[in-house]
Structure formats: C-alpha cells, structure tokens
C-alpha cells in the first residue's frame, strides 16, 4: 500500500473525529428532539466503515497499478466538474435573491439538463419532485425558515 492511497481515508477519518469532538458538548438530545451533536455523530459513525473499506482497497491494490500514475479525468469530465462548480457559485449568489427552494430547483435543472445532458422531460420531472420534496418536508412539515426570495418561495 502506498501512503498516498491511505492519506485521503485518514484525512476523512480525522475530519469525522474532529466533528464529533467539536460537537460532543452540545448534546445528543435536546429535550424531546435531536440535539446539535446528533448529526455529526451519525455522519462520523457512518464514515468509519467507508474509511475502513477504502483502506482495505488501498492495501489490496499493491499489484499492477500500485506504481502507475494517477488517473486524471478526461476533458469532458473536467468541463462537467467546472460547470457544476460554477453552477454552485452562481446559485449561492442568487439564493438570497431567489430563495432556497427555487435556487435548488434551478441548480438541479442546470445539472441534469446542461451538465449531464439528460433528456428534458425526465429531468423536469426530477426537478419538480426535488422542489416539491424540499418544500414539503423542510418548509411545510418541519417549518424550517429557509431563505425566501423576492418571489415568496
């Protein structure tokens, strides 16, 4: 196993441990509801098996391609990654103006239709379902005050 294969897994494990120890004093339960440290503890707990599997894979990959160069993405993959990043930046800037739910809907539409070039109608159906699920669960059911834009969503 090369050390460079284990570094990402160990870095993720250290971030998980940092999140747990940083939120440990905040409380797992708060009255009758989940506390602030509930999610970090569960995410860190679910991260441990993934890190172990990644370390096992790195340990087993000592064969043919252990000393080969890194696999770099081709140009279309780099373009998709750059477009996704630019879309995130634009939506982050537009969310205070548009609102959280319309921002997420536009981002999902951009990803599916422009970046991934998926068919139009299934993509629009996925966008409608995504917006409906976010609005239904977070705004109507959980009554979370998501950022609302000028159009009222």
C-alpha atoms as a PDB file:
ATOM      1  CA  UNK A   1       0.000   0.000   0.000  1.00  0.00           C
ATOM      2  CA  UNK A   2       1.266   3.418  -0.923  1.00  0.00           C
ATOM      3  CA  UNK A   3       0.995   6.137   1.674  1.00  0.00           C
ATOM      4  CA  UNK A   4      -0.703   8.390  -0.895  1.00  0.00           C
ATOM      5  CA  UNK A   5      -3.536   5.853  -1.152  1.00  0.00           C
ATOM      6  CA  UNK A   6      -4.180   5.969   2.595  1.00  0.00           C
ATOM      7  CA  UNK A   7      -3.924   9.734   3.097  1.00  0.00           C
ATOM      8  CA  UNK A   8      -7.451  10.612   1.825  1.00  0.00           C
ATOM      9  CA  UNK A   9      -9.060   7.966   4.013  1.00  0.00           C
ATOM     10  CA  UNK A  10      -7.130   9.040   7.079  1.00  0.00           C
ATOM     11  CA  UNK A  11      -7.914  12.701   6.357  1.00  0.00           C
ATOM     12  CA  UNK A  12     -11.644  11.938   6.180  1.00  0.00           C
ATOM     13  CA  UNK A  13     -11.392   9.935   9.389  1.00  0.00           C
ATOM     14  CA  UNK A  14      -9.648  12.826  11.140  1.00  0.00           C
ATOM     15  CA  UNK A  15     -12.321  15.277   9.938  1.00  0.00           C
ATOM     16  CA  UNK A  16     -15.023  12.978  11.291  1.00  0.00           C
ATOM     17  CA  UNK A  17     -13.258  12.719  14.639  1.00  0.00           C
ATOM     18  CA  UNK A  18     -12.852  16.493  14.733  1.00  0.00           C
ATOM     19  CA  UNK A  19     -16.576  16.970  14.063  1.00  0.00           C
ATOM     20  CA  UNK A  20     -17.522  14.545  16.848  1.00  0.00           C
ATOM     21  CA  UNK A  21     -15.150  16.025  19.405  1.00  0.00           C
ATOM     22  CA  UNK A  22     -16.073  19.574  18.394  1.00  0.00           C
ATOM     23  CA  UNK A  23     -19.787  18.984  18.937  1.00  0.00           C
ATOM     24  CA  UNK A  24     -19.611  16.468  21.798  1.00  0.00           C
ATOM     25  CA  UNK A  25     -20.506  19.047  24.479  1.00  0.00           C
ATOM     26  CA  UNK A  26     -23.538  20.359  22.578  1.00  0.00           C
ATOM     27  CA  UNK A  27     -25.742  17.414  23.457  1.00  0.00           C
ATOM     28  CA  UNK A  28     -27.037  14.428  21.563  1.00  0.00           C
ATOM     29  CA  UNK A  29     -30.639  15.112  22.669  1.00  0.00           C
ATOM     30  CA  UNK A  30     -32.233  18.452  23.405  1.00  0.00           C
ATOM     31  CA  UNK A  31     -35.427  17.907  25.384  1.00  0.00           C
ATOM     32  CA  UNK A  32     -37.594  15.690  23.214  1.00  0.00           C
ATOM     33  CA  UNK A  33     -35.817  16.354  19.941  1.00  0.00           C
ATOM     34  CA  UNK A  34     -32.447  15.782  18.337  1.00  0.00           C
ATOM     35  CA  UNK A  35     -29.563  17.819  19.668  1.00  0.00           C
ATOM     36  CA  UNK A  36     -26.821  19.651  17.769  1.00  0.00           C
ATOM     37  CA  UNK A  37     -24.352  16.776  18.008  1.00  0.00           C
ATOM     38  CA  UNK A  38     -26.774  14.125  16.698  1.00  0.00           C
ATOM     39  CA  UNK A  39     -25.955  14.544  13.003  1.00  0.00           C
ATOM     40  CA  UNK A  40     -22.156  14.878  13.366  1.00  0.00           C
ATOM     41  CA  UNK A  41     -22.008  11.734  15.486  1.00  0.00           C
ATOM     42  CA  UNK A  42     -24.070   9.714  12.997  1.00  0.00           C
ATOM     43  CA  UNK A  43     -22.196  11.011   9.965  1.00  0.00           C
ATOM     44  CA  UNK A  44     -18.881  10.230  11.631  1.00  0.00           C
ATOM     45  CA  UNK A  45     -20.137   6.800  12.649  1.00  0.00           C
ATOM     46  CA  UNK A  46     -21.199   6.021   9.085  1.00  0.00           C
ATOM     47  CA  UNK A  47     -17.894   7.361   7.782  1.00  0.00           C
ATOM     48  CA  UNK A  48     -15.808   4.839   9.725  1.00  0.00           C
ATOM     49  CA  UNK A  49     -16.876   1.756   7.686  1.00  0.00           C
ATOM     50  CA  UNK A  50     -16.313   3.679   4.445  1.00  0.00           C
ATOM     51  CA  UNK A  51     -12.812   4.663   5.574  1.00  0.00           C
ATOM     52  CA  UNK A  52     -12.046   1.075   6.596  1.00  0.00           C
ATOM     53  CA  UNK A  53     -13.193  -0.187   3.182  1.00  0.00           C
ATOM     54  CA  UNK A  54     -11.108   2.467   1.456  1.00  0.00           C
ATOM     55  CA  UNK A  55      -8.032   1.460   3.469  1.00  0.00           C
ATOM     56  CA  UNK A  56      -8.621  -2.228   2.662  1.00  0.00           C
ATOM     57  CA  UNK A  57      -8.914  -1.379  -1.024  1.00  0.00           C
ATOM     58  CA  UNK A  58      -5.707   0.662  -0.893  1.00  0.00           C
ATOM     59  CA  UNK A  59      -3.929  -2.189   0.890  1.00  0.00           C
ATOM     60  CA  UNK A  60      -5.082  -4.758  -1.682  1.00  0.00           C
ATOM     61  CA  UNK A  61      -4.143  -2.558  -4.665  1.00  0.00           C
ATOM     62  CA  UNK A  62      -0.437  -3.290  -4.329  1.00  0.00           C
ATOM     63  CA  UNK A  63      -0.420  -5.165  -7.633  1.00  0.00           C
ATOM     64  CA  UNK A  64      -0.003  -3.914 -11.185  1.00  0.00           C
ATOM     65  CA  UNK A  65      -1.263  -0.370 -10.871  1.00  0.00           C
ATOM     66  CA  UNK A  66       0.179   0.423  -7.446  1.00  0.00           C
ATOM     67  CA  UNK A  67       3.059   2.316  -9.021  1.00  0.00           C
ATOM     68  CA  UNK A  68       1.291   3.692 -12.049  1.00  0.00           C
ATOM     69  CA  UNK A  69       0.429   7.359 -12.323  1.00  0.00           C
ATOM     70  CA  UNK A  70      -2.772   8.890 -11.116  1.00  0.00           C
ATOM     71  CA  UNK A  71      -5.838   8.589 -13.301  1.00  0.00           C
ATOM     72  CA  UNK A  72      -6.769  12.063 -14.415  1.00  0.00           C
ATOM     73  CA  UNK A  73     -10.223  12.786 -15.802  1.00  0.00           C
ATOM     74  CA  UNK A  74     -10.578  13.491 -19.485  1.00  0.00           C
ATOM     75  CA  UNK A  75     -11.528  16.935 -20.769  1.00  0.00           C
ATOM     76  CA  UNK A  76     -15.307  16.352 -20.872  1.00  0.00           C
ATOM     77  CA  UNK A  77     -15.220  15.232 -17.238  1.00  0.00           C
ATOM     78  CA  UNK A  78     -13.176  18.302 -16.260  1.00  0.00           C
ATOM     79  CA  UNK A  79     -15.658  20.506 -18.101  1.00  0.00           C
ATOM     80  CA  UNK A  80     -18.581  18.888 -16.260  1.00  0.00           C
ATOM     81  CA  UNK A  81     -16.829  19.414 -12.926  1.00  0.00           C
ATOM     82  CA  UNK A  82     -16.087  23.050 -13.766  1.00  0.00           C
ATOM     83  CA  UNK A  83     -19.678  23.650 -14.859  1.00  0.00           C
ATOM     84  CA  UNK A  84     -21.015  22.061 -11.667  1.00  0.00           C
ATOM     85  CA  UNK A  85     -18.707  24.241  -9.568  1.00  0.00           C
ATOM     86  CA  UNK A  86     -19.718  27.385 -11.471  1.00  0.00           C
ATOM     87  CA  UNK A  87     -23.367  26.435 -11.038  1.00  0.00           C
ATOM     88  CA  UNK A  88     -22.852  26.112  -7.280  1.00  0.00           C
ATOM     89  CA  UNK A  89     -21.229  29.530  -7.126  1.00  0.00           C
ATOM     90  CA  UNK A  90     -23.991  31.170  -9.153  1.00  0.00           C
ATOM     91  CA  UNK A  91     -26.756  29.547  -7.100  1.00  0.00           C
ATOM     92  CA  UNK A  92     -25.016  30.538  -3.864  1.00  0.00           C
ATOM     93  CA  UNK A  93     -25.012  34.128  -5.088  1.00  0.00           C
ATOM     94  CA  UNK A  94     -28.611  34.005  -6.346  1.00  0.00           C
ATOM     95  CA  UNK A  95     -30.180  32.196  -3.365  1.00  0.00           C
ATOM     96  CA  UNK A  96     -30.639  35.374  -1.272  1.00  0.00           C
ATOM     97  CA  UNK A  97     -32.447  36.903  -4.243  1.00  0.00           C
ATOM     98  CA  UNK A  98     -34.447  33.875  -5.432  1.00  0.00           C
ATOM     99  CA  UNK A  99     -34.856  31.864  -2.234  1.00  0.00           C
ATOM    100  CA  UNK A 100     -33.544  28.458  -1.228  1.00  0.00           C
ATOM    101  CA  UNK A 101     -36.096  26.207  -2.927  1.00  0.00           C
ATOM    102  CA  UNK A 102     -36.059  27.978  -6.325  1.00  0.00           C
ATOM    103  CA  UNK A 103     -32.261  28.105  -6.138  1.00  0.00           C
ATOM    104  CA  UNK A 104     -32.011  24.359  -5.561  1.00  0.00           C
ATOM    105  CA  UNK A 105     -34.563  23.691  -8.302  1.00  0.00           C
ATOM    106  CA  UNK A 106     -32.571  25.785 -10.775  1.00  0.00           C
ATOM    107  CA  UNK A 107     -29.324  24.094  -9.766  1.00  0.00           C
ATOM    108  CA  UNK A 108     -30.778  20.597 -10.190  1.00  0.00           C
ATOM    109  CA  UNK A 109     -32.218  21.603 -13.578  1.00  0.00           C
ATOM    110  CA  UNK A 110     -28.845  23.019 -14.624  1.00  0.00           C
ATOM    111  CA  UNK A 111     -27.035  19.863 -13.542  1.00  0.00           C
ATOM    112  CA  UNK A 112     -29.420  17.464 -15.234  1.00  0.00           C
ATOM    113  CA  UNK A 113     -30.100  19.328 -18.475  1.00  0.00           C
ATOM    114  CA  UNK A 114     -26.896  21.285 -19.156  1.00  0.00           C
ATOM    115  CA  UNK A 115     -24.086  19.460 -17.372  1.00  0.00           C
ATOM    116  CA  UNK A 116     -25.217  15.833 -17.621  1.00  0.00           C
ATOM    117  CA  UNK A 117     -27.282  16.301 -20.819  1.00  0.00           C
ATOM    118  CA  UNK A 118     -30.121  14.117 -19.617  1.00  0.00           C
ATOM    119  CA  UNK A 119     -33.430  14.002 -21.544  1.00  0.00           C
ATOM    120  CA  UNK A 120     -35.637  17.035 -20.962  1.00  0.00           C
ATOM    121  CA  UNK A 121     -38.884  15.528 -19.666  1.00  0.00           C
ATOM    122  CA  UNK A 122     -37.428  13.110 -17.113  1.00  0.00           C
ATOM    123  CA  UNK A 123     -35.136  15.912 -15.948  1.00  0.00           C
ATOM    124  CA  UNK A 124     -38.042  18.302 -15.493  1.00  0.00           C
ATOM    125  CA  UNK A 125     -39.936  15.614 -13.612  1.00  0.00           C
ATOM    126  CA  UNK A 126     -36.954  15.124 -11.306  1.00  0.00           C
ATOM    127  CA  UNK A 127     -36.725  18.894 -10.806  1.00  0.00           C
ATOM    128  CA  UNK A 128     -40.410  19.148  -9.880  1.00  0.00           C
ATOM    129  CA  UNK A 129     -40.130  16.211  -7.473  1.00  0.00           C
ATOM    130  CA  UNK A 130     -36.976  17.669  -5.899  1.00  0.00           C
ATOM    131  CA  UNK A 131     -38.588  21.065  -5.378  1.00  0.00           C
ATOM    132  CA  UNK A 132     -41.767  19.508  -4.041  1.00  0.00           C
ATOM    133  CA  UNK A 133     -39.927  17.252  -1.602  1.00  0.00           C
ATOM    134  CA  UNK A 134     -37.771  20.102  -0.285  1.00  0.00           C
ATOM    135  CA  UNK A 135     -40.760  22.454   0.056  1.00  0.00           C
ATOM    136  CA  UNK A 136     -42.966  19.749   1.555  1.00  0.00           C
ATOM    137  CA  UNK A 137     -40.511  18.379   4.090  1.00  0.00           C
ATOM    138  CA  UNK A 138     -38.468  21.362   5.164  1.00  0.00           C
ATOM    139  CA  UNK A 139     -40.912  24.256   4.805  1.00  0.00           C
ATOM    140  CA  UNK A 140     -44.380  22.802   5.381  1.00  0.00           C
ATOM    141  CA  UNK A 141     -43.726  19.779   7.591  1.00  0.00           C
ATOM    142  CA  UNK A 142     -40.658  20.773   9.639  1.00  0.00           C
ATOM    143  CA  UNK A 143     -41.446  24.512   9.384  1.00  0.00           C
ATOM    144  CA  UNK A 144     -37.809  25.442   8.866  1.00  0.00           C
ATOM    145  CA  UNK A 145     -37.311  29.067   7.879  1.00  0.00           C
ATOM    146  CA  UNK A 146     -35.419  28.536   4.634  1.00  0.00           C
ATOM    147  CA  UNK A 147     -34.272  31.716   2.888  1.00  0.00           C
ATOM    148  CA  UNK A 148     -37.156  33.239   0.933  1.00  0.00           C
ATOM    149  CA  UNK A 149     -36.527  35.325  -2.164  1.00  0.00           C
ATOM    150  CA  UNK A 150     -38.423  38.142  -3.767  1.00  0.00           C
ATOM    151  CA  UNK A 151     -40.960  35.765  -5.329  1.00  0.00           C
ATOM    152  CA  UNK A 152     -42.006  34.397  -1.922  1.00  0.00           C
ATOM    153  CA  UNK A 153     -40.636  30.847  -2.030  1.00  0.00           C
END
